[in-house]
Amino acid sequence: MKVVDLIDIYLQLNFQLFWRSLSFVLLGQSLGRGKIMKFGNMCGPHRSVA
């Protein structure tokens, strides 16, 4: 029973982490493109100068 409970908890934690990472990726694709582009524009000149 204990081993089964540990496996169940482990699977539940991995499932939550999977959905968190998936939702984070979806949010990054939908909302983060503008921020990433702004960040790239900010870092681009410095990168080219350096």
Protein backbone atom coordinates (compact mmCIF):
# COMPACT_ATOMS: atom_id res chain seq x y z
CA MET A 1 0.00 0.00 0.00
CA LYS A 2 2.79 2.43 0.88
CA VAL A 3 4.62 1.85 -2.39
CA VAL A 4 1.39 2.32 -4.34
CA ASP A 5 0.67 5.53 -2.44
CA LEU A 6 4.17 6.84 -3.19
CA ILE A 7 3.78 6.03 -6.88
CA ASP A 8 0.36 7.72 -6.91
CA ILE A 9 1.76 10.88 -5.27
CA TYR A 10 4.72 10.82 -7.67
CA LEU A 11 2.43 10.57 -10.70
CA GLN A 12 0.19 13.35 -9.38
CA LEU A 13 3.18 15.65 -8.85
CA ASN A 14 4.53 14.93 -12.33
CA PHE A 15 1.06 15.52 -13.79
CA GLN A 16 0.80 18.92 -12.07
CA LEU A 17 4.32 19.88 -13.18
CA PHE A 18 3.50 18.76 -16.73
CA TRP A 19 0.37 20.92 -16.92
CA ARG A 20 2.17 23.88 -15.31
CA SER A 21 4.99 23.70 -17.83
CA LEU A 22 2.52 23.19 -20.68
CA SER A 23 0.41 26.18 -19.64
CA PHE A 24 3.60 28.22 -19.18
CA VAL A 25 4.72 27.36 -22.71
CA LEU A 26 1.29 28.23 -24.11
CA LEU A 27 1.29 31.54 -22.24
CA GLY A 28 4.80 32.23 -23.48
CA GLN A 29 3.77 31.57 -27.07
CA SER A 30 0.57 33.65 -26.91
CA LEU A 31 1.47 36.53 -24.57
CA GLY A 32 5.26 36.49 -24.37
CA ARG A 33 6.14 37.10 -28.03
CA GLY A 34 5.91 40.88 -27.70
CA LYS A 35 7.95 40.86 -24.50
CA ILE A 36 10.54 38.53 -26.04
CA MET A 37 10.78 40.77 -29.11
CA LYS A 38 11.19 43.86 -26.92
CA PHE A 39 13.81 42.04 -24.86
CA GLY A 40 15.60 41.00 -28.05
CA ASN A 41 15.55 44.56 -29.35
CA MET A 42 16.99 45.76 -26.04
CA CYS A 43 19.71 43.10 -26.01
CA GLY A 44 20.42 43.17 -29.75
CA PRO A 45 22.37 46.46 -29.93
CA HIS A 46 24.36 45.62 -26.80
CA ARG A 47 25.14 42.21 -28.22
CA SER A 48 26.30 43.68 -31.53
CA VAL A 49 28.38 46.35 -29.76
CA ALA A 50 29.98 43.74 -27.49
